[in-house]
PDB file of N, CA and C in Angstrom:
ATOM      1  N   MET A   1      -4.729 -17.749   8.045  1.00  0.00           N
ATOM      2  CA  MET A   1      -3.782 -19.066   7.426  1.00  0.00           C
ATOM      3  C   MET A   1      -2.386 -18.139   7.059  1.00  0.00           C
ATOM      4  N   LYS A   2      -1.407 -18.819   7.359  1.00  0.00           N
ATOM      5  CA  LYS A   2      -0.252 -18.703   7.066  1.00  0.00           C
ATOM      6  C   LYS A   2       0.659 -19.291   6.189  1.00  0.00           C
ATOM      7  N   VAL A   3       1.025 -18.571   5.005  1.00  0.00           N
ATOM      8  CA  VAL A   3       1.777 -19.771   3.933  1.00  0.00           C
ATOM      9  C   VAL A   3       3.524 -18.721   3.978  1.00  0.00           C
ATOM     10  N   LYS A   4       3.998 -20.206   4.228  1.00  0.00           N
ATOM     11  CA  LYS A   4       5.773 -19.932   4.069  1.00  0.00           C
ATOM     12  C   LYS A   4       5.585 -20.457   2.869  1.00  0.00           C
ATOM     13  N   PRO A   5       6.330 -19.620   1.570  1.00  0.00           N
ATOM     14  CA  PRO A   5       6.862 -20.279   0.325  1.00  0.00           C
ATOM     15  C   PRO A   5       8.388 -21.406   0.719  1.00  0.00           C
ATOM     16  N   LEU A   6       8.433 -22.301  -0.273  1.00  0.00           N
ATOM     17  CA  LEU A   6       9.394 -23.086  -0.016  1.00  0.00           C
ATOM     18  C   LEU A   6      10.697 -23.018  -1.145  1.00  0.00           C
ATOM     19  N   ALA A   7      12.130 -23.090  -0.809  1.00  0.00           N
ATOM     20  CA  ALA A   7      12.961 -23.375  -1.917  1.00  0.00           C
ATOM     21  C   ALA A   7      13.221 -21.599  -2.105  1.00  0.00           C
ATOM     22  N   ASP A   8      12.945 -21.726  -3.760  1.00  0.00           N
ATOM     23  CA  ASP A   8      13.119 -20.339  -4.354  1.00  0.00           C
ATOM     24  C   ASP A   8      11.882 -19.437  -4.919  1.00  0.00           C
ATOM     25  N   ARG A   9      10.480 -19.724  -3.815  1.00  0.00           N
ATOM     26  CA  ARG A   9       9.493 -19.240  -4.028  1.00  0.00           C
ATOM     27  C   ARG A   9       9.441 -18.170  -3.288  1.00  0.00           C
ATOM     28  N   VAL A  10       8.222 -17.256  -3.842  1.00  0.00           N
ATOM     29  CA  VAL A  10       8.229 -16.028  -3.235  1.00  0.00           C
ATOM     30  C   VAL A  10       6.913 -15.891  -3.160  1.00  0.00           C
ATOM     31  N   LEU A  11       6.004 -15.510  -2.338  1.00  0.00           N
ATOM     32  CA  LEU A  11       4.587 -14.985  -1.957  1.00  0.00           C
ATOM     33  C   LEU A  11       4.671 -13.807  -2.265  1.00  0.00           C
ATOM     34  N   VAL A  12       3.472 -13.617  -3.321  1.00  0.00           N
ATOM     35  CA  VAL A  12       3.298 -11.863  -3.584  1.00  0.00           C
ATOM     36  C   VAL A  12       2.040 -11.695  -3.430  1.00  0.00           C
ATOM     37  N   LYS A  13       1.755 -10.453  -3.229  1.00  0.00           N
ATOM     38  CA  LYS A  13       0.163 -10.059  -3.433  1.00  0.00           C
ATOM     39  C   LYS A  13       0.220  -8.680  -4.395  1.00  0.00           C
ATOM     40  N   PRO A  14      -0.464  -9.295  -5.455  1.00  0.00           N
ATOM     41  CA  PRO A  14      -0.769  -8.512  -6.783  1.00  0.00           C
ATOM     42  C   PRO A  14      -1.607  -7.416  -6.679  1.00  0.00           C
ATOM     43  N   GLU A  15      -0.859  -6.013  -7.082  1.00  0.00           N
ATOM     44  CA  GLU A  15      -1.720  -4.660  -6.621  1.00  0.00           C
ATOM     45  C   GLU A  15      -2.267  -4.694  -7.482  1.00  0.00           C
ATOM     46  N   LYS A  16      -3.865  -4.091  -7.096  1.00  0.00           N
ATOM     47  CA  LYS A  16      -5.066  -3.765  -7.620  1.00  0.00           C
ATOM     48  C   LYS A  16      -4.690  -2.961  -8.730  1.00  0.00           C
ATOM     49  N   SER A  17      -5.537  -3.310  -9.909  1.00  0.00           N
ATOM     50  CA  SER A  17      -5.280  -2.719 -11.506  1.00  0.00           C
ATOM     51  C   SER A  17      -6.324  -1.522 -11.690  1.00  0.00           C
ATOM     52  N   GLU A  18      -5.884  -0.280 -12.013  1.00  0.00           N
ATOM     53  CA  GLU A  18      -6.980   0.642 -12.370  1.00  0.00           C
ATOM     54  C   GLU A  18      -8.131  -0.009 -12.655  1.00  0.00           C
ATOM     55  N   SER A  19      -9.442   0.386 -12.384  1.00  0.00           N
ATOM     56  CA  SER A  19     -10.630   0.177 -12.840  1.00  0.00           C
ATOM     57  C   SER A  19     -11.488   1.297 -13.734  1.00  0.00           C
ATOM     58  N   LYS A  20     -10.841   2.271 -13.842  1.00  0.00           N
ATOM     59  CA  LYS A  20     -11.481   3.830 -14.156  1.00  0.00           C
ATOM     60  C   LYS A  20     -10.059   4.254 -15.393  1.00  0.00           C
ATOM     61  N   THR A  21     -10.470   4.406 -16.653  1.00  0.00           N
ATOM     62  CA  THR A  21      -9.930   5.357 -17.261  1.00  0.00           C
ATOM     63  C   THR A  21      -9.090   6.662 -17.155  1.00  0.00           C
ATOM     64  N   ALA A  22      -8.340   7.569 -17.546  1.00  0.00           N
ATOM     65  CA  ALA A  22      -8.085   8.707 -17.190  1.00  0.00           C
ATOM     66  C   ALA A  22      -9.514   9.417 -17.786  1.00  0.00           C
ATOM     67  N   GLY A  23      -9.832   9.042 -18.577  1.00  0.00           N
ATOM     68  CA  GLY A  23     -11.172   9.917 -19.270  1.00  0.00           C
ATOM     69  C   GLY A  23     -12.282   9.321 -18.306  1.00  0.00           C
ATOM     70  N   GLY A  24     -12.015   8.894 -17.203  1.00  0.00           N
ATOM     71  CA  GLY A  24     -13.601   8.306 -16.475  1.00  0.00           C
ATOM     72  C   GLY A  24     -14.315   6.869 -16.766  1.00  0.00           C
ATOM     73  N   ILE A  25     -13.740   6.136 -18.104  1.00  0.00           N
ATOM     74  CA  ILE A  25     -14.277   5.053 -18.174  1.00  0.00           C
ATOM     75  C   ILE A  25     -14.226   3.932 -17.247  1.00  0.00           C
ATOM     76  N   ILE A  26     -15.277   3.631 -16.678  1.00  0.00           N
ATOM     77  CA  ILE A  26     -14.873   1.935 -15.764  1.00  0.00           C
ATOM     78  C   ILE A  26     -14.730   0.914 -17.161  1.00  0.00           C
ATOM     79  N   ILE A  27     -13.834   0.081 -16.268  1.00  0.00           N
ATOM     80  CA  ILE A  27     -13.111  -0.965 -16.941  1.00  0.00           C
ATOM     81  C   ILE A  27     -13.523  -2.152 -16.258  1.00  0.00           C
ATOM     82  N   PRO A  28     -14.670  -3.345 -16.443  1.00  0.00           N
ATOM     83  CA  PRO A  28     -14.796  -4.246 -15.944  1.00  0.00           C
ATOM     84  C   PRO A  28     -13.823  -5.184 -15.860  1.00  0.00           C
ATOM     85  N   ASP A  29     -13.592  -6.137 -14.807  1.00  0.00           N
ATOM     86  CA  ASP A  29     -12.796  -6.607 -14.080  1.00  0.00           C
ATOM     87  C   ASP A  29     -12.176  -8.195 -15.060  1.00  0.00           C
ATOM     88  N   THR A  30     -13.303  -8.378 -15.640  1.00  0.00           N
ATOM     89  CA  THR A  30     -13.374  -9.538 -17.142  1.00  0.00           C
ATOM     90  C   THR A  30     -12.352  -8.709 -18.151  1.00  0.00           C
ATOM     91  N   ALA A  31     -12.286  -7.171 -18.358  1.00  0.00           N
ATOM     92  CA  ALA A  31     -11.534  -6.740 -19.694  1.00  0.00           C
ATOM     93  C   ALA A  31     -10.487  -6.391 -18.950  1.00  0.00           C
ATOM     94  N   GLN A  32      -9.756  -6.237 -17.916  1.00  0.00           N
ATOM     95  CA  GLN A  32      -8.436  -5.523 -17.154  1.00  0.00           C
ATOM     96  C   GLN A  32      -7.537  -6.756 -17.340  1.00  0.00           C
ATOM     97  N   GLU A  33      -6.367  -6.094 -17.710  1.00  0.00           N
ATOM     98  CA  GLU A  33      -4.924  -6.638 -18.276  1.00  0.00           C
ATOM     99  C   GLU A  33      -4.425  -6.862 -16.804  1.00  0.00           C
ATOM    100  N   LYS A  34      -4.125  -8.417 -16.694  1.00  0.00           N
ATOM    101  CA  LYS A  34      -3.465  -8.682 -15.141  1.00  0.00           C
ATOM    102  C   LYS A  34      -2.362  -7.743 -15.136  1.00  0.00           C
ATOM    103  N   THR A  35      -2.250  -7.644 -13.719  1.00  0.00           N
ATOM    104  CA  THR A  35      -1.335  -6.510 -13.303  1.00  0.00           C
ATOM    105  C   THR A  35       0.330  -7.521 -13.419  1.00  0.00           C
ATOM    106  N   GLN A  36       1.402  -6.807 -13.174  1.00  0.00           N
ATOM    107  CA  GLN A  36       2.724  -7.247 -13.215  1.00  0.00           C
ATOM    108  C   GLN A  36       3.066  -6.788 -12.214  1.00  0.00           C
ATOM    109  N   LYS A  37       2.834  -5.846 -11.124  1.00  0.00           N
ATOM    110  CA  LYS A  37       3.152  -5.351 -10.268  1.00  0.00           C
ATOM    111  C   LYS A  37       2.643  -6.373  -8.827  1.00  0.00           C
ATOM    112  N   ALA A  38       3.336  -6.119  -7.905  1.00  0.00           N
ATOM    113  CA  ALA A  38       3.248  -7.079  -6.592  1.00  0.00           C
ATOM    114  C   ALA A  38       4.129  -6.489  -5.455  1.00  0.00           C
ATOM    115  N   SER A  39       3.984  -7.008  -4.098  1.00  0.00           N
ATOM    116  CA  SER A  39       4.064  -6.704  -2.958  1.00  0.00           C
ATOM    117  C   SER A  39       4.888  -7.920  -2.511  1.00  0.00           C
ATOM    118  N   VAL A  40       6.058  -8.050  -1.992  1.00  0.00           N
ATOM    119  CA  VAL A  40       6.862  -9.192  -1.391  1.00  0.00           C
ATOM    120  C   VAL A  40       6.390  -9.527  -0.192  1.00  0.00           C
ATOM    121  N   ILE A  41       5.704 -10.637   0.337  1.00  0.00           N
ATOM    122  CA  ILE A  41       5.046 -10.888   1.384  1.00  0.00           C
ATOM    123  C   ILE A  41       5.253 -11.691   2.302  1.00  0.00           C
ATOM    124  N   ALA A  42       5.776 -12.900   1.241  1.00  0.00           N
ATOM    125  CA  ALA A  42       7.130 -13.769   2.194  1.00  0.00           C
ATOM    126  C   ALA A  42       8.068 -14.343   1.301  1.00  0.00           C
ATOM    127  N   VAL A  43       8.893 -14.978   2.105  1.00  0.00           N
ATOM    128  CA  VAL A  43      10.374 -15.649   0.676  1.00  0.00           C
ATOM    129  C   VAL A  43      10.502 -16.743   1.292  1.00  0.00           C
ATOM    130  N   GLY A  44      11.003 -17.290   0.289  1.00  0.00           N
ATOM    131  CA  GLY A  44      11.644 -19.142   0.519  1.00  0.00           C
ATOM    132  C   GLY A  44      12.625 -19.085   1.707  1.00  0.00           C
ATOM    133  N   ASP A  45      13.379 -20.057   1.773  1.00  0.00           N
ATOM    134  CA  ASP A  45      14.674 -20.439   2.166  1.00  0.00           C
ATOM    135  C   ASP A  45      16.122 -20.342   1.394  1.00  0.00           C
ATOM    136  N   ASP A  46      15.787 -20.264  -0.133  1.00  0.00           N
ATOM    137  CA  ASP A  46      17.200 -20.207  -0.827  1.00  0.00           C
ATOM    138  C   ASP A  46      17.494 -19.014  -1.051  1.00  0.00           C
ATOM    139  N   LYS A  47      18.258 -18.539  -0.088  1.00  0.00           N
ATOM    140  CA  LYS A  47      19.429 -17.105  -0.491  1.00  0.00           C
ATOM    141  C   LYS A  47      19.751 -16.798  -1.448  1.00  0.00           C
ATOM    142  N   GLU A  48      20.578 -17.559  -2.212  1.00  0.00           N
ATOM    143  CA  GLU A  48      21.399 -17.479  -3.086  1.00  0.00           C
ATOM    144  C   GLU A  48      20.319 -17.238  -4.568  1.00  0.00           C
ATOM    145  N   LYS A  49      19.492 -17.808  -4.589  1.00  0.00           N
ATOM    146  CA  LYS A  49      18.163 -17.456  -5.893  1.00  0.00           C
ATOM    147  C   LYS A  49      17.317 -16.569  -5.521  1.00  0.00           C
ATOM    148  N   ILE A  50      17.252 -15.931  -4.380  1.00  0.00           N
ATOM    149  CA  ILE A  50      15.822 -14.997  -4.165  1.00  0.00           C
ATOM    150  C   ILE A  50      16.972 -13.619  -3.590  1.00  0.00           C
ATOM    151  N   LYS A  51      16.659 -12.241  -4.345  1.00  0.00           N
ATOM    152  CA  LYS A  51      17.049 -10.995  -4.551  1.00  0.00           C
ATOM    153  C   LYS A  51      16.300 -10.236  -3.948  1.00  0.00           C
ATOM    154  N   VAL A  52      15.093 -10.521  -3.198  1.00  0.00           N
ATOM    155  CA  VAL A  52      14.052  -9.650  -2.683  1.00  0.00           C
ATOM    156  C   VAL A  52      14.011  -9.952  -1.169  1.00  0.00           C
ATOM    157  N   LYS A  53      13.030  -9.046  -0.715  1.00  0.00           N
ATOM    158  CA  LYS A  53      13.073  -9.244   0.891  1.00  0.00           C
ATOM    159  C   LYS A  53      11.159  -8.937   1.204  1.00  0.00           C
ATOM    160  N   VAL A  54      10.893  -9.117   2.077  1.00  0.00           N
ATOM    161  CA  VAL A  54       9.638  -9.038   2.600  1.00  0.00           C
ATOM    162  C   VAL A  54       9.666  -7.370   2.680  1.00  0.00           C
ATOM    163  N   GLY A  55       8.308  -6.841   1.783  1.00  0.00           N
ATOM    164  CA  GLY A  55       8.024  -5.697   1.515  1.00  0.00           C
ATOM    165  C   GLY A  55       8.323  -4.764   0.234  1.00  0.00           C
ATOM    166  N   ASP A  56       9.102  -5.483  -0.322  1.00  0.00           N
ATOM    167  CA  ASP A  56       9.536  -5.129  -1.906  1.00  0.00           C
ATOM    168  C   ASP A  56       8.704  -4.718  -2.846  1.00  0.00           C
ATOM    169  N   LYS A  57       8.571  -3.748  -3.297  1.00  0.00           N
ATOM    170  CA  LYS A  57       7.492  -4.191  -4.757  1.00  0.00           C
ATOM    171  C   LYS A  57       8.361  -4.226  -6.004  1.00  0.00           C
ATOM    172  N   ILE A  58       7.777  -5.169  -6.784  1.00  0.00           N
ATOM    173  CA  ILE A  58       8.608  -6.297  -7.540  1.00  0.00           C
ATOM    174  C   ILE A  58       7.858  -6.099  -8.873  1.00  0.00           C
ATOM    175  N   ILE A  59       8.274  -6.327  -9.926  1.00  0.00           N
ATOM    176  CA  ILE A  59       7.445  -6.564 -11.216  1.00  0.00           C
ATOM    177  C   ILE A  59       7.910  -8.143 -11.933  1.00  0.00           C
ATOM    178  N   HIS A  60       7.065  -8.812 -12.001  1.00  0.00           N
ATOM    179  CA  HIS A  60       6.995 -10.486 -12.606  1.00  0.00           C
ATOM    180  C   HIS A  60       6.410 -10.244 -13.790  1.00  0.00           C
ATOM    181  N   ASP A  61       7.622 -11.360 -14.185  1.00  0.00           N
ATOM    182  CA  ASP A  61       6.886 -12.295 -15.683  1.00  0.00           C
ATOM    183  C   ASP A  61       5.424 -12.136 -15.590  1.00  0.00           C
ATOM    184  N   LYS A  62       4.745 -11.538 -16.633  1.00  0.00           N
ATOM    185  CA  LYS A  62       3.306 -11.494 -16.664  1.00  0.00           C
ATOM    186  C   LYS A  62       2.429 -12.725 -16.415  1.00  0.00           C
ATOM    187  N   TYR A  63       2.952 -13.848 -16.925  1.00  0.00           N
ATOM    188  CA  TYR A  63       2.101 -15.369 -16.953  1.00  0.00           C
ATOM    189  C   TYR A  63       3.085 -16.331 -15.552  1.00  0.00           C
ATOM    190  N   ALA A  64       3.335 -15.698 -14.896  1.00  0.00           N
ATOM    191  CA  ALA A  64       4.227 -16.193 -13.886  1.00  0.00           C
ATOM    192  C   ALA A  64       3.387 -16.625 -12.869  1.00  0.00           C
ATOM    193  N   GLY A  65       3.786 -17.819 -11.724  1.00  0.00           N
ATOM    194  CA  GLY A  65       3.396 -17.882 -11.068  1.00  0.00           C
ATOM    195  C   GLY A  65       2.113 -18.740 -10.615  1.00  0.00           C
ATOM    196  N   SER A  66       1.649 -19.194  -9.523  1.00  0.00           N
ATOM    197  CA  SER A  66       0.297 -20.170  -9.180  1.00  0.00           C
ATOM    198  C   SER A  66      -0.567 -19.107  -8.388  1.00  0.00           C
ATOM    199  N   ALA A  67      -1.421 -18.686  -8.873  1.00  0.00           N
ATOM    200  CA  ALA A  67      -2.263 -17.995  -7.914  1.00  0.00           C
ATOM    201  C   ALA A  67      -3.054 -18.639  -6.737  1.00  0.00           C
ATOM    202  N   ILE A  68      -3.341 -17.591  -5.931  1.00  0.00           N
ATOM    203  CA  ILE A  68      -3.776 -18.672  -4.678  1.00  0.00           C
ATOM    204  C   ILE A  68      -4.610 -17.783  -3.777  1.00  0.00           C
ATOM    205  N   LYS A  69      -5.754 -18.041  -2.935  1.00  0.00           N
ATOM    206  CA  LYS A  69      -6.492 -17.182  -1.924  1.00  0.00           C
ATOM    207  C   LYS A  69      -6.229 -17.573  -1.004  1.00  0.00           C
ATOM    208  N   ILE A  70      -6.205 -16.657  -0.155  1.00  0.00           N
ATOM    209  CA  ILE A  70      -5.692 -16.577   1.499  1.00  0.00           C
ATOM    210  C   ILE A  70      -6.593 -15.800   2.354  1.00  0.00           C
ATOM    211  N   ASP A  71      -7.519 -16.214   3.013  1.00  0.00           N
ATOM    212  CA  ASP A  71      -8.663 -15.615   3.845  1.00  0.00           C
ATOM    213  C   ASP A  71      -9.297 -14.517   2.765  1.00  0.00           C
ATOM    214  N   GLY A  72      -9.456 -15.164   1.791  1.00  0.00           N
ATOM    215  CA  GLY A  72     -10.591 -14.251   0.609  1.00  0.00           C
ATOM    216  C   GLY A  72      -9.722 -13.231  -0.142  1.00  0.00           C
ATOM    217  N   ASP A  73      -8.223 -12.965   0.028  1.00  0.00           N
ATOM    218  CA  ASP A  73      -7.447 -12.223  -0.525  1.00  0.00           C
ATOM    219  C   ASP A  73      -6.667 -13.236  -1.545  1.00  0.00           C
ATOM    220  N   ASP A  74      -6.243 -12.232  -2.885  1.00  0.00           N
ATOM    221  CA  ASP A  74      -5.678 -13.485  -3.943  1.00  0.00           C
ATOM    222  C   ASP A  74      -4.005 -13.129  -4.072  1.00  0.00           C
ATOM    223  N   TYR A  75      -3.226 -13.853  -4.029  1.00  0.00           N
ATOM    224  CA  TYR A  75      -2.016 -13.775  -3.750  1.00  0.00           C
ATOM    225  C   TYR A  75      -1.540 -14.463  -4.917  1.00  0.00           C
ATOM    226  N   LEU A  76      -0.207 -14.678  -5.407  1.00  0.00           N
ATOM    227  CA  LEU A  76       0.428 -15.428  -6.388  1.00  0.00           C
ATOM    228  C   LEU A  76       1.941 -16.308  -5.284  1.00  0.00           C
ATOM    229  N   ILE A  77       2.317 -17.071  -5.798  1.00  0.00           N
ATOM    230  CA  ILE A  77       3.537 -17.768  -5.373  1.00  0.00           C
ATOM    231  C   ILE A  77       4.459 -18.073  -6.740  1.00  0.00           C
ATOM    232  N   VAL A  78       5.359 -17.475  -6.960  1.00  0.00           N
ATOM    233  CA  VAL A  78       6.144 -16.826  -8.406  1.00  0.00           C
ATOM    234  C   VAL A  78       7.618 -17.653  -7.803  1.00  0.00           C
ATOM    235  N   LYS A  79       8.268 -18.310  -8.902  1.00  0.00           N
ATOM    236  CA  LYS A  79       9.830 -18.710  -8.589  1.00  0.00           C
ATOM    237  C   LYS A  79      10.763 -17.540  -8.689  1.00  0.00           C
ATOM    238  N   GLY A  80      11.756 -17.509  -7.735  1.00  0.00           N
ATOM    239  CA  GLY A  80      12.774 -16.591  -7.836  1.00  0.00           C
ATOM    240  C   GLY A  80      13.121 -15.957  -9.154  1.00  0.00           C
ATOM    241  N   GLU A  81      13.136 -16.619 -10.071  1.00  0.00           N
ATOM    242  CA  GLU A  81      13.859 -16.463 -11.254  1.00  0.00           C
ATOM    243  C   GLU A  81      12.898 -15.731 -12.277  1.00  0.00           C
ATOM    244  N   ASP A  82      11.451 -15.672 -11.932  1.00  0.00           N
ATOM    245  CA  ASP A  82      10.138 -14.980 -12.530  1.00  0.00           C
ATOM    246  C   ASP A  82       9.994 -13.228 -12.172  1.00  0.00           C
ATOM    247  N   ILE A  83      10.687 -12.880 -11.413  1.00  0.00           N
ATOM    248  CA  ILE A  83      10.730 -11.829 -10.490  1.00  0.00           C
ATOM    249  C   ILE A  83      11.788 -11.034 -11.395  1.00  0.00           C
ATOM    250  N   ILE A  84      11.431  -9.811 -12.169  1.00  0.00           N
ATOM    251  CA  ILE A  84      12.173  -9.248 -13.322  1.00  0.00           C
ATOM    252  C   ILE A  84      13.105  -8.206 -12.969  1.00  0.00           C
ATOM    253  N   ALA A  85      11.829  -7.642 -11.647  1.00  0.00           N
ATOM    254  CA  ALA A  85      12.840  -6.047 -11.397  1.00  0.00           C
ATOM    255  C   ALA A  85      12.504  -5.796  -9.849  1.00  0.00           C
ATOM    256  N   VAL A  86      12.906  -4.931  -9.194  1.00  0.00           N
ATOM    257  CA  VAL A  86      12.487  -4.303  -8.028  1.00  0.00           C
ATOM    258  C   VAL A  86      12.024  -2.738  -8.177  1.00  0.00           C
ATOM    259  N   ILE A  87      10.835  -2.670  -7.491  1.00  0.00           N
ATOM    260  CA  ILE A  87      10.523  -0.876  -7.794  1.00  0.00           C
ATOM    261  C   ILE A  87      10.947  -0.097  -6.530  1.00  0.00           C
ATOM    262  N   GLU A  88      12.046   0.639  -7.044  1.00  0.00           N
ATOM    263  CA  GLU A  88      12.380   1.566  -5.809  1.00  0.00           C
ATOM    264  C   GLU A  88      11.671   2.892  -5.744  1.00  0.00           C
TER     265      GLU A  88
END
């Protein structure tokens, strides 16, 4: 399935969070913090509000976006204003 975000929305794929601590303790999925890092997969057509491009690594607001599943994988659709940084 192909998803194209509209207006100032951006489709991102959240990075997997570490499931093991530095000491080797395994953290269950239910206890892990929601990650704020993601990769940009697709962008909407409002180029004035969207300052990222496909392939960028970003940091977004912690509770931003709408979670969706595409072909069994987790994605988020976030507003351009909820993207707070690009990781270089």
